[in-house]
Amino acid sequence: MAKGDKINFSTPSGFPEFLPSEKRLELYLLDTIRRVFESYGFTPIETPAVERLEVLQAKGNQGDNIIYGIDPILPPNRQAERDKAGETGSEARALKFDQTVPLAAYIARHLNELTFPFARYQMDVVFRGERAKDGRFRQFRQCDIDVVARSQLSLLYDAQMPAIITEIFTAVNIGDFLIRINNRKVLTGFFKSVGIGEDNIKSCIGIVDALEKIGESKVKQQLEQEGILAEQAQKIIDFIKIDGSIDEVLDKLKHLAENLPEVEQFALGISELETVITGVRNLGVAENRFCIDLSIARGLDYYTGTVYETTLLGHEALGSICSGGRYEELVGTFLGEKMPGVGISIGLTRLISRLLKAGIINTLAATPAQVMVVNLQDDLMPIYLKVSQNLRQAGINVVTNFDKRGLGKQFQLADKQGVQLCVIIGSEEAAAQKSSLKDLKTGEQVEVALDDLAAEVKRRLT
């Protein structure tokens, strides 16, 4: 770069950065999510941000366009080292684009050190090279949980997922939401029963999964473009529109199973769905928080059983705010054995962006400090420091103003950062072992003995 050239220091497209008030909101949500995850016994792990490219592409169908490769930039005099190293094949590396494929590799690497069923949570940043747009980022944080077993995994783990989702979104108080539950075996079994061949089932599921985005008529049109007969397409539309209460939908499915050919997989899916619903009820999830929705398919190929999508009622345009499902073969990819799993994922960065834009949540104060000890006289700084420490030891977040300035300006500074209370100590207060406590929310100012200050602050903060 030539001397005098300006450096473009703007944020790269699709890579978010947060102001303090936004970051504090993210940390609050992360803490809330973590508490719920851990209350169900999920344990944290960390996988590298960088994986071998062949690991990330192990499941195929990801497309090179969404994976960020890692290519070291060396000075000219070291270029020969890079050429000699040959960063290709098993040495080629890339940034992880999700948490699930790295989880599979993690389990393969630590198989003999883990206890199964293995229940883990991970709340890391992932990277995708897709086109950046509103609510879509190239770098974003995902909050995932998965339970993985060897050979067999109880359907009660599937039932736990809606209970966990309910606790998280109830705790963060974002409004009414609905967890929509289905089973991929119900869908694939129905498709088979109406004469759709194995080669078309995956594409049909992908089309059905886009119902909310493209509408019923386009779903039917795309099904027919896949070679599905108009009569079959109409049967699929009628099927995914089955609604009613949970018990009514289950009854309709059972009745339908009695009148369809080749219903083995269809009946198995209904049985699994009923088992999961019973478990969700036994876990105490309110009936208005979940339903059976036969249009929920989850377009990813690896889902084989239960699938979930969560919608914020009144804000359906936001899309799913938490989704996931059960898979049978994904985690065992690197070991060549069956390792069934079930999990859910919250795309937290996207969720925060959309909720803030919709006015559903607000950022937090720019600082965690609840109290500012103002500076009236530099010679009283030893007292200010002692008072600040006493408040901190009482569990109160305190910022001490080391710069002497006008009292009004110090109040303005505290208010701008969202600090509620200011402690004022001048020469007379120091001599009398007292302070003035100003509440910036109410404008009230009271005299408080220093020995009683912590108790009074706590009373006003509750």
Protein backbone atom coordinates (compact mmCIF):
# COMPACT_ATOMS: atom_id res chain seq x y z
CA MET A 1 0.00 0.00 0.00
CA ALA A 2 1.34 3.38 -1.00
CA LYS A 3 1.84 5.98 1.70
CA GLY A 4 -1.22 8.17 2.00
CA ASP A 5 -3.64 5.57 0.62
CA LYS A 6 -6.80 5.34 2.68
CA ILE A 7 -7.63 2.04 4.35
CA ASN A 8 -11.21 0.84 3.97
CA PHE A 9 -12.04 -0.07 7.57
CA SER A 10 -15.75 -0.69 7.04
CA THR A 11 -17.16 -4.02 8.22
CA PRO A 12 -16.95 -6.75 5.54
CA SER A 13 -20.38 -7.56 4.11
CA GLY A 14 -22.19 -10.25 6.08
CA PHE A 15 -19.87 -10.10 9.10
CA PRO A 16 -21.68 -8.49 12.06
CA GLU A 17 -20.20 -6.54 14.92
CA PHE A 18 -22.07 -5.44 18.01
CA LEU A 19 -22.25 -2.24 20.01
CA PRO A 20 -21.99 -2.78 23.79
CA SER A 21 -25.77 -2.71 24.26
CA GLU A 22 -26.20 -5.34 21.52
CA LYS A 23 -23.40 -7.56 22.80
CA ARG A 24 -24.85 -7.48 26.30
CA LEU A 25 -28.18 -8.61 24.86
CA GLU A 26 -26.45 -11.50 23.10
CA LEU A 27 -24.64 -12.51 26.30
CA TYR A 28 -27.91 -12.36 28.26
CA LEU A 29 -29.58 -14.66 25.74
CA LEU A 30 -26.57 -16.99 25.71
CA ASP A 31 -26.65 -17.21 29.50
CA THR A 32 -30.38 -17.96 29.45
CA ILE A 33 -30.03 -20.63 26.78
CA ARG A 34 -27.03 -22.16 28.58
CA ARG A 35 -28.94 -22.44 31.87
CA VAL A 36 -31.78 -24.31 30.19
CA PHE A 37 -29.43 -26.61 28.27
CA GLU A 38 -27.52 -27.49 31.42
CA SER A 39 -30.71 -28.07 33.42
CA TYR A 40 -31.35 -31.02 31.09
CA GLY A 41 -27.82 -32.37 31.56
CA PHE A 42 -26.26 -31.14 28.32
CA THR A 43 -22.52 -30.60 28.60
CA PRO A 44 -20.45 -28.00 26.69
CA ILE A 45 -17.84 -28.85 24.09
CA GLU A 46 -15.75 -26.82 21.68
CA THR A 47 -14.66 -27.82 18.20
CA PRO A 48 -12.12 -25.95 16.06
CA ALA A 49 -13.29 -23.08 13.89
CA VAL A 50 -11.16 -24.70 11.18
CA GLU A 51 -11.62 -28.28 9.99
CA ARG A 52 -10.08 -30.31 7.20
CA LEU A 53 -12.00 -29.60 4.03
CA GLU A 54 -12.62 -33.29 3.40
CA VAL A 55 -14.32 -33.50 6.82
CA LEU A 56 -16.67 -30.61 6.04
CA GLN A 57 -17.52 -32.12 2.67
CA ALA A 58 -17.98 -35.64 4.01
CA LYS A 59 -21.78 -35.49 3.70
CA GLY A 60 -21.69 -33.87 0.25
CA ASN A 61 -24.39 -31.56 -1.08
CA GLN A 62 -22.98 -28.58 0.79
CA GLY A 63 -21.59 -26.85 -2.27
CA ASP A 64 -18.17 -25.27 -2.39
CA ASN A 65 -19.83 -21.87 -2.67
CA ILE A 66 -20.84 -21.87 1.01
CA ILE A 67 -17.54 -23.03 2.49
CA TYR A 68 -14.77 -20.56 3.29
CA GLY A 69 -11.39 -22.13 2.54
CA ILE A 70 -8.30 -21.22 4.56
CA ASP A 71 -5.40 -20.19 2.33
CA PRO A 72 -2.37 -18.75 4.15
CA ILE A 73 -0.95 -15.52 2.78
CA LEU A 74 2.83 -15.66 2.92
CA PRO A 75 5.39 -12.98 2.04
CA PRO A 76 7.09 -13.43 -1.35
CA ASN A 77 10.29 -14.81 0.17
CA ARG A 78 8.29 -17.65 1.79
CA GLN A 79 6.06 -18.50 -1.14
CA ALA A 80 8.20 -21.53 -1.90
CA GLU A 81 7.32 -22.95 1.52
CA ARG A 82 3.63 -22.85 0.67
CA ASP A 83 4.17 -24.38 -2.75
CA LYS A 84 6.24 -27.14 -1.21
CA ALA A 85 3.68 -27.80 1.54
CA GLY A 86 0.92 -28.25 -1.05
CA GLU A 87 -2.16 -27.21 0.94
CA THR A 88 -4.41 -29.60 -0.94
CA GLY A 89 -6.17 -32.89 -0.34
CA SER A 90 -6.14 -33.95 3.32
CA GLU A 91 -4.16 -30.81 4.23
CA ALA A 92 -6.72 -28.37 2.79
CA ARG A 93 -8.65 -26.58 5.54
CA ALA A 94 -11.78 -24.49 5.78
CA LEU A 95 -13.99 -22.67 8.28
CA LYS A 96 -16.85 -24.75 9.70
CA PHE A 97 -20.27 -23.89 8.26
CA ASP A 98 -22.34 -25.58 10.99
CA GLN A 99 -21.92 -27.46 14.27
CA THR A 100 -23.24 -30.88 13.26
CA VAL A 101 -20.55 -32.14 10.88
CA PRO A 102 -17.81 -31.02 13.30
CA LEU A 103 -19.74 -32.87 16.05
CA ALA A 104 -19.55 -36.06 13.99
CA ALA A 105 -15.79 -35.65 13.60
CA TYR A 106 -15.45 -34.78 17.31
CA ILE A 107 -17.21 -37.98 18.36
CA ALA A 108 -15.03 -40.02 16.02
CA ARG A 109 -11.90 -38.45 17.51
CA HIS A 110 -13.00 -38.95 21.13
CA LEU A 111 -15.14 -42.08 20.85
CA ASN A 112 -13.42 -43.92 23.70
CA GLU A 113 -13.44 -40.86 26.00
CA LEU A 114 -17.17 -40.15 25.79
CA THR A 115 -20.16 -41.69 27.57
CA PHE A 116 -23.22 -42.51 25.49
CA PRO A 117 -25.88 -41.32 25.03
CA PHE A 118 -23.72 -38.22 24.65
CA ALA A 119 -25.63 -34.96 25.22
CA ARG A 120 -23.70 -31.85 24.25
CA TYR A 121 -24.32 -28.19 23.65
CA GLN A 122 -22.25 -25.79 21.60
CA MET A 123 -22.76 -22.07 21.05
CA ASP A 124 -20.07 -21.14 18.53
CA VAL A 125 -19.64 -18.91 15.52
CA VAL A 126 -19.88 -20.57 12.09
CA PHE A 127 -19.18 -19.25 8.60
CA ARG A 128 -20.99 -19.52 5.27
CA GLY A 129 -20.06 -17.89 2.00
CA GLU A 130 -23.65 -17.25 0.93
CA ARG A 131 -24.98 -13.93 -0.30
CA ALA A 132 -25.38 -11.52 2.59
CA LYS A 133 -28.84 -9.99 2.95
CA ASP A 134 -31.28 -8.84 5.62
CA GLY A 135 -31.18 -11.33 8.48
CA ARG A 136 -28.61 -13.52 6.70
CA PHE A 137 -24.97 -13.39 7.69
CA ARG A 138 -21.72 -14.97 6.58
CA GLN A 139 -20.61 -15.19 10.19
CA PHE A 140 -23.18 -16.05 12.82
CA ARG A 141 -23.59 -17.78 16.16
CA GLN A 142 -25.51 -21.03 16.44
CA CYS A 143 -26.74 -22.50 19.73
CA ASP A 144 -27.05 -26.25 19.23
CA ILE A 145 -27.85 -29.27 21.35
CA ASP A 146 -27.66 -32.88 20.24
CA VAL A 147 -28.00 -36.26 21.92
CA VAL A 148 -26.13 -39.03 20.14
CA ALA A 149 -26.21 -42.74 20.96
CA ARG A 150 -24.66 -45.91 19.66
CA SER A 151 -27.18 -48.19 17.94
CA GLN A 152 -30.40 -47.08 19.72
CA LEU A 153 -31.73 -43.73 21.00
CA SER A 154 -34.97 -43.43 22.99
CA LEU A 155 -37.73 -41.32 21.46
CA LEU A 156 -38.04 -39.60 24.83
CA TYR A 157 -34.97 -37.57 23.85
CA ASP A 158 -37.06 -36.33 20.92
CA ALA A 159 -39.80 -35.42 23.40
CA GLN A 160 -37.38 -33.37 25.51
CA MET A 161 -36.60 -30.98 22.66
CA PRO A 162 -39.98 -29.15 22.68
CA ALA A 163 -39.74 -28.88 26.48
CA ILE A 164 -36.31 -27.25 26.13
CA ILE A 165 -37.50 -24.91 23.38
CA THR A 166 -40.49 -23.90 25.51
CA GLU A 167 -38.34 -23.08 28.55
CA ILE A 168 -35.90 -20.99 26.53
CA PHE A 169 -38.44 -18.83 24.72
CA THR A 170 -40.63 -18.46 27.80
CA ALA A 171 -37.59 -17.27 29.78
CA VAL A 172 -36.58 -14.63 27.23
CA ASN A 173 -40.19 -13.42 27.01
CA ILE A 174 -40.48 -12.84 23.27
CA GLY A 175 -44.23 -13.52 23.06
CA ASP A 176 -46.38 -16.45 21.99
CA PHE A 177 -44.73 -19.17 19.95
CA LEU A 178 -45.72 -22.53 18.50
CA ILE A 179 -43.53 -25.63 18.12
CA ARG A 180 -44.67 -27.54 15.05
CA ILE A 181 -43.82 -31.23 15.11
CA ASN A 182 -43.87 -33.88 12.39
CA ASN A 183 -42.12 -37.13 11.51
CA ARG A 184 -40.30 -37.70 8.22
CA LYS A 185 -41.44 -41.35 8.17
CA VAL A 186 -45.04 -40.13 8.07
CA LEU A 187 -44.25 -38.07 4.97
CA THR A 188 -42.09 -40.62 3.16
CA GLY A 189 -44.51 -43.42 4.05
CA PHE A 190 -47.45 -41.46 2.67
CA PHE A 191 -45.56 -40.61 -0.53
CA LYS A 192 -44.82 -44.32 -1.06
CA SER A 193 -48.42 -45.27 -0.40
CA VAL A 194 -49.69 -42.98 -3.16
CA GLY A 195 -47.22 -44.44 -5.67
CA ILE A 196 -44.33 -41.97 -5.61
CA GLY A 197 -41.03 -43.70 -6.32
CA GLU A 198 -37.95 -43.61 -4.08
CA ASP A 199 -36.11 -41.43 -6.59
CA ASN A 200 -38.71 -38.68 -6.27
CA ILE A 201 -39.33 -38.70 -2.53
CA LYS A 202 -36.39 -36.47 -1.54
CA SER A 203 -37.28 -33.82 -4.10
CA CYS A 204 -40.95 -33.98 -3.06
CA ILE A 205 -39.98 -33.40 0.58
CA GLY A 206 -37.90 -30.39 -0.44
CA ILE A 207 -40.85 -28.95 -2.35
CA VAL A 208 -43.30 -29.55 0.50
CA ASP A 209 -40.84 -27.90 2.91
CA ALA A 210 -41.10 -24.69 0.85
CA LEU A 211 -44.90 -24.51 1.19
CA GLU A 212 -44.92 -21.40 3.39
CA LYS A 213 -42.49 -19.58 1.09
CA ILE A 214 -44.00 -20.38 -2.30
CA GLY A 215 -47.64 -21.23 -1.56
CA GLU A 216 -49.90 -24.16 -2.35
CA SER A 217 -50.30 -23.60 -6.09
CA LYS A 218 -46.53 -23.42 -6.70
CA VAL A 219 -45.99 -26.53 -4.58
CA LYS A 220 -48.45 -28.40 -6.76
CA GLN A 221 -46.86 -26.98 -9.92
CA GLN A 222 -43.34 -27.98 -8.83
CA LEU A 223 -44.49 -31.46 -7.84
CA GLU A 224 -45.94 -31.94 -11.32
CA GLN A 225 -42.68 -30.66 -12.83
CA GLU A 226 -40.92 -33.47 -10.94
CA GLY A 227 -43.08 -35.95 -12.82
CA ILE A 228 -45.69 -36.36 -10.12
CA LEU A 229 -49.18 -36.90 -11.55
CA ALA A 230 -51.73 -34.18 -10.91
CA GLU A 231 -53.85 -36.62 -8.91
CA GLN A 232 -50.87 -37.57 -6.73
CA ALA A 233 -49.91 -33.93 -6.25
CA GLN A 234 -53.44 -33.12 -5.07
CA LYS A 235 -53.33 -36.02 -2.60
CA ILE A 236 -50.08 -34.64 -1.18
CA ILE A 237 -51.59 -31.15 -0.85
CA ASP A 238 -54.69 -32.57 0.86
CA PHE A 239 -52.50 -34.63 3.18
CA ILE A 240 -50.24 -31.83 4.40
CA LYS A 241 -53.33 -29.65 5.00
CA ILE A 242 -54.76 -32.10 7.56
CA ASP A 243 -55.32 -30.08 10.71
CA GLY A 244 -57.19 -30.04 14.01
CA SER A 245 -56.18 -30.68 17.57
CA ILE A 246 -53.23 -32.98 18.23
CA ASP A 247 -55.49 -35.93 19.02
CA GLU A 248 -57.70 -35.21 16.00
CA VAL A 249 -54.69 -35.21 13.66
CA LEU A 250 -53.40 -38.47 15.14
CA ASP A 251 -56.84 -40.05 14.73
CA LYS A 252 -57.04 -38.89 11.11
CA LEU A 253 -53.59 -40.35 10.41
CA LYS A 254 -54.50 -43.70 11.97
CA HIS A 255 -57.71 -43.85 9.98
CA LEU A 256 -55.79 -43.01 6.81
CA ALA A 257 -53.30 -45.80 7.53
CA GLU A 258 -56.15 -48.31 7.55
CA ASN A 259 -57.06 -47.43 3.96
CA LEU A 260 -53.66 -47.06 2.24
CA PRO A 261 -51.43 -49.66 0.60
CA GLU A 262 -47.80 -50.16 1.67
CA VAL A 263 -48.32 -48.44 5.01
CA GLU A 264 -45.53 -50.01 7.08
CA GLN A 265 -43.30 -46.93 7.15
CA PHE A 266 -46.31 -44.61 7.40
CA ALA A 267 -47.64 -46.53 10.42
CA LEU A 268 -44.19 -46.53 12.05
CA GLY A 269 -43.99 -42.77 11.65
CA ILE A 270 -47.43 -42.33 13.26
CA SER A 271 -46.38 -44.55 16.17
CA GLU A 272 -43.16 -42.58 16.71
CA LEU A 273 -45.03 -39.29 16.47
CA GLU A 274 -47.57 -40.42 19.06
CA THR A 275 -44.79 -41.57 21.42
CA VAL A 276 -43.07 -38.19 21.14
CA ILE A 277 -46.32 -36.28 21.69
CA THR A 278 -47.07 -38.36 24.80
CA GLY A 279 -43.58 -37.58 26.12
CA VAL A 280 -43.99 -33.86 25.44
CA ARG A 281 -47.24 -33.88 27.41
CA ASN A 282 -45.67 -35.83 30.28
CA LEU A 283 -42.94 -33.19 30.44
CA GLY A 284 -45.61 -30.60 31.16
CA VAL A 285 -45.43 -28.56 27.97
CA ALA A 286 -48.66 -26.57 27.59
CA GLU A 287 -50.93 -27.77 24.78
CA ASN A 288 -50.99 -24.30 23.21
CA ARG A 289 -47.20 -24.41 22.74
CA PHE A 290 -47.05 -27.31 20.25
CA CYS A 291 -48.98 -28.98 17.48
CA ILE A 292 -48.67 -31.56 14.73
CA ASP A 293 -48.05 -29.92 11.35
CA LEU A 294 -47.75 -32.36 8.45
CA SER A 295 -46.23 -29.69 6.19
CA ILE A 296 -43.06 -29.53 8.31
CA ALA A 297 -40.43 -31.52 6.42
CA ARG A 298 -37.01 -29.91 7.11
CA GLY A 299 -35.40 -29.96 3.70
CA LEU A 300 -32.05 -31.41 4.80
CA ASP A 301 -31.61 -34.96 3.58
CA TYR A 302 -30.21 -36.38 6.80
CA TYR A 303 -33.40 -36.08 8.89
CA THR A 304 -35.12 -39.45 9.22
CA GLY A 305 -37.71 -39.14 12.01
CA THR A 306 -39.02 -36.38 14.28
CA VAL A 307 -38.67 -32.85 12.92
CA TYR A 308 -39.40 -29.50 14.58
CA GLU A 309 -39.90 -25.90 13.59
CA THR A 310 -40.77 -23.07 15.98
CA THR A 311 -42.76 -20.04 14.87
CA LEU A 312 -43.30 -16.75 16.70
CA LEU A 313 -47.05 -16.15 16.52
CA GLY A 314 -47.97 -12.86 14.93
CA HIS A 315 -44.51 -12.68 13.37
CA GLU A 316 -44.55 -15.72 11.12
CA ALA A 317 -42.58 -13.83 8.46
CA LEU A 318 -39.52 -14.21 10.69
CA GLY A 319 -39.48 -17.89 9.76
CA SER A 320 -38.44 -20.67 12.11
CA ILE A 321 -36.71 -19.37 15.24
CA CYS A 322 -35.59 -22.85 16.33
CA SER A 323 -35.56 -26.06 14.32
CA GLY A 324 -34.07 -29.52 14.19
CA GLY A 325 -34.88 -33.19 14.20
CA ARG A 326 -33.70 -36.80 14.40
CA TYR A 327 -31.07 -38.38 12.15
CA GLU A 328 -29.71 -41.90 11.93
CA GLU A 329 -26.56 -41.89 9.79
CA LEU A 330 -25.05 -38.41 10.02
CA VAL A 331 -22.84 -38.76 13.09
CA GLY A 332 -21.61 -42.25 12.24
CA THR A 333 -20.19 -41.04 8.92
CA PHE A 334 -16.58 -41.23 10.07
CA LEU A 335 -16.92 -44.49 12.00
CA GLY A 336 -19.02 -46.61 9.69
CA GLU A 337 -21.56 -47.44 12.40
CA LYS A 338 -25.12 -46.44 13.17
CA MET A 339 -25.17 -43.56 15.65
CA PRO A 340 -28.67 -42.06 15.88
CA GLY A 341 -29.06 -38.55 17.19
CA VAL A 342 -31.60 -35.80 17.72
CA GLY A 343 -30.95 -32.10 18.08
CA ILE A 344 -32.14 -28.54 17.68
CA SER A 345 -30.44 -25.32 16.65
CA ILE A 346 -31.10 -21.64 17.33
CA GLY A 347 -29.47 -19.29 14.83
CA LEU A 348 -28.92 -16.66 17.50
CA THR A 349 -27.32 -13.90 15.42
CA ARG A 350 -30.12 -13.98 12.85
CA LEU A 351 -32.76 -14.25 15.58
CA ILE A 352 -31.44 -11.21 17.47
CA SER A 353 -31.29 -9.18 14.26
CA ARG A 354 -34.85 -10.01 13.26
CA LEU A 355 -36.33 -9.56 16.77
CA LEU A 356 -34.67 -6.16 17.21
CA LYS A 357 -35.85 -5.00 13.80
CA ALA A 358 -39.40 -6.12 14.56
CA GLY A 359 -39.34 -4.33 17.93
CA ILE A 360 -40.00 -7.56 19.82
CA ILE A 361 -36.94 -7.16 22.04
CA ASN A 362 -34.71 -4.25 22.98
CA THR A 363 -31.01 -3.93 23.57
CA LEU A 364 -29.72 -3.74 27.12
CA ALA A 365 -27.97 -0.81 28.73
CA ALA A 366 -24.53 -0.10 27.30
CA THR A 367 -22.86 -0.98 30.62
CA PRO A 368 -23.59 -3.63 33.24
CA ALA A 369 -22.83 -1.04 35.94
CA GLN A 370 -25.80 -0.29 38.18
CA VAL A 371 -24.13 2.46 40.21
CA MET A 372 -21.68 5.27 39.47
CA VAL A 373 -19.58 6.71 42.26
CA VAL A 374 -19.09 10.28 41.08
CA ASN A 375 -15.92 12.32 41.58
CA LEU A 376 -16.38 15.66 43.34
CA GLN A 377 -12.85 16.04 44.72
CA ASP A 378 -9.69 14.22 43.67
CA ASP A 379 -8.45 14.19 47.27
CA LEU A 380 -11.46 12.04 48.24
CA MET A 381 -10.53 9.32 45.74
CA PRO A 382 -9.44 6.88 48.51
CA ILE A 383 -12.98 7.09 49.94
CA TYR A 384 -14.54 6.68 46.47
CA LEU A 385 -12.45 3.56 45.85
CA LYS A 386 -13.32 2.09 49.26
CA VAL A 387 -17.06 2.74 48.78
CA SER A 388 -16.91 1.24 45.26
CA GLN A 389 -15.25 -1.93 46.57
CA ASN A 390 -17.75 -2.28 49.41
CA LEU A 391 -20.62 -2.10 46.92
CA ARG A 392 -18.96 -4.65 44.62
CA GLN A 393 -18.45 -7.04 47.52
CA ALA A 394 -22.20 -6.78 48.13
CA GLY A 395 -22.80 -8.01 44.57
CA ILE A 396 -23.47 -4.63 42.95
CA ASN A 397 -21.89 -3.58 39.64
CA VAL A 398 -20.09 -0.27 40.06
CA VAL A 399 -18.22 2.16 37.84
CA THR A 400 -16.00 4.71 39.60
CA ASN A 401 -15.54 8.03 37.86
CA PHE A 402 -11.82 8.82 38.03
CA ASP A 403 -12.12 12.06 36.06
CA LYS A 404 -13.29 15.12 37.95
CA ARG A 405 -15.87 17.13 36.00
CA GLY A 406 -19.11 18.97 36.62
CA LEU A 407 -21.72 17.02 38.56
CA GLY A 408 -24.31 17.52 35.81
CA LYS A 409 -21.96 16.09 33.19
CA GLN A 410 -21.29 13.06 35.38
CA PHE A 411 -25.05 12.50 35.71
CA GLN A 412 -25.39 12.77 31.92
CA LEU A 413 -22.61 10.24 31.43
CA ALA A 414 -24.26 7.80 33.84
CA ASP A 415 -27.68 8.24 32.23
CA LYS A 416 -26.31 7.76 28.71
CA GLN A 417 -24.82 4.42 29.73
CA GLY A 418 -27.98 3.28 31.50
CA VAL A 419 -26.64 3.56 35.06
CA GLN A 420 -29.55 4.07 37.43
CA LEU A 421 -27.94 5.30 40.66
CA CYS A 422 -25.19 7.80 41.46
CA VAL A 423 -23.34 7.97 44.79
CA ILE A 424 -22.29 11.53 45.73
CA ILE A 425 -19.72 12.13 48.46
CA GLY A 426 -18.23 15.55 49.19
CA SER A 427 -16.14 16.77 52.13
CA GLU A 428 -19.12 17.13 54.48
CA GLU A 429 -20.53 13.71 53.59
CA ALA A 430 -17.11 12.08 54.00
CA ALA A 431 -16.65 13.63 57.44
CA ALA A 432 -20.12 12.45 58.52
CA GLN A 433 -19.65 8.98 56.94
CA LYS A 434 -22.68 9.64 54.74
CA SER A 435 -23.49 9.92 51.04
CA SER A 436 -26.18 11.30 48.78
CA LEU A 437 -27.79 8.70 46.51
CA LYS A 438 -29.44 10.03 43.34
CA ASP A 439 -31.88 7.89 41.36
CA LEU A 440 -31.63 9.02 37.73
CA LYS A 441 -34.87 7.26 36.82
CA THR A 442 -37.03 9.08 39.35
CA GLY A 443 -34.89 12.16 40.01
CA GLU A 444 -35.11 11.45 43.76
CA GLN A 445 -32.03 12.14 45.91
CA VAL A 446 -31.70 10.85 49.47
CA GLU A 447 -29.07 10.93 52.20
CA VAL A 448 -27.75 7.50 53.19
CA ALA A 449 -25.18 6.44 55.80
CA LEU A 450 -22.21 4.70 54.17
CA ASP A 451 -22.84 1.62 56.34
CA ASP A 452 -26.39 1.40 54.92
CA LEU A 453 -25.51 2.27 51.32
CA ALA A 454 -25.33 -1.25 49.91
CA ALA A 455 -28.69 -2.22 51.38
CA GLU A 456 -30.37 0.95 50.07
CA VAL A 457 -28.91 0.45 46.59
CA LYS A 458 -30.16 -3.13 46.48
CA ARG A 459 -33.61 -2.01 47.61
CA ARG A 460 -33.84 0.54 44.82
CA LEU A 461 -32.55 -1.83 42.13
CA THR A 462 -35.21 -4.50 42.79
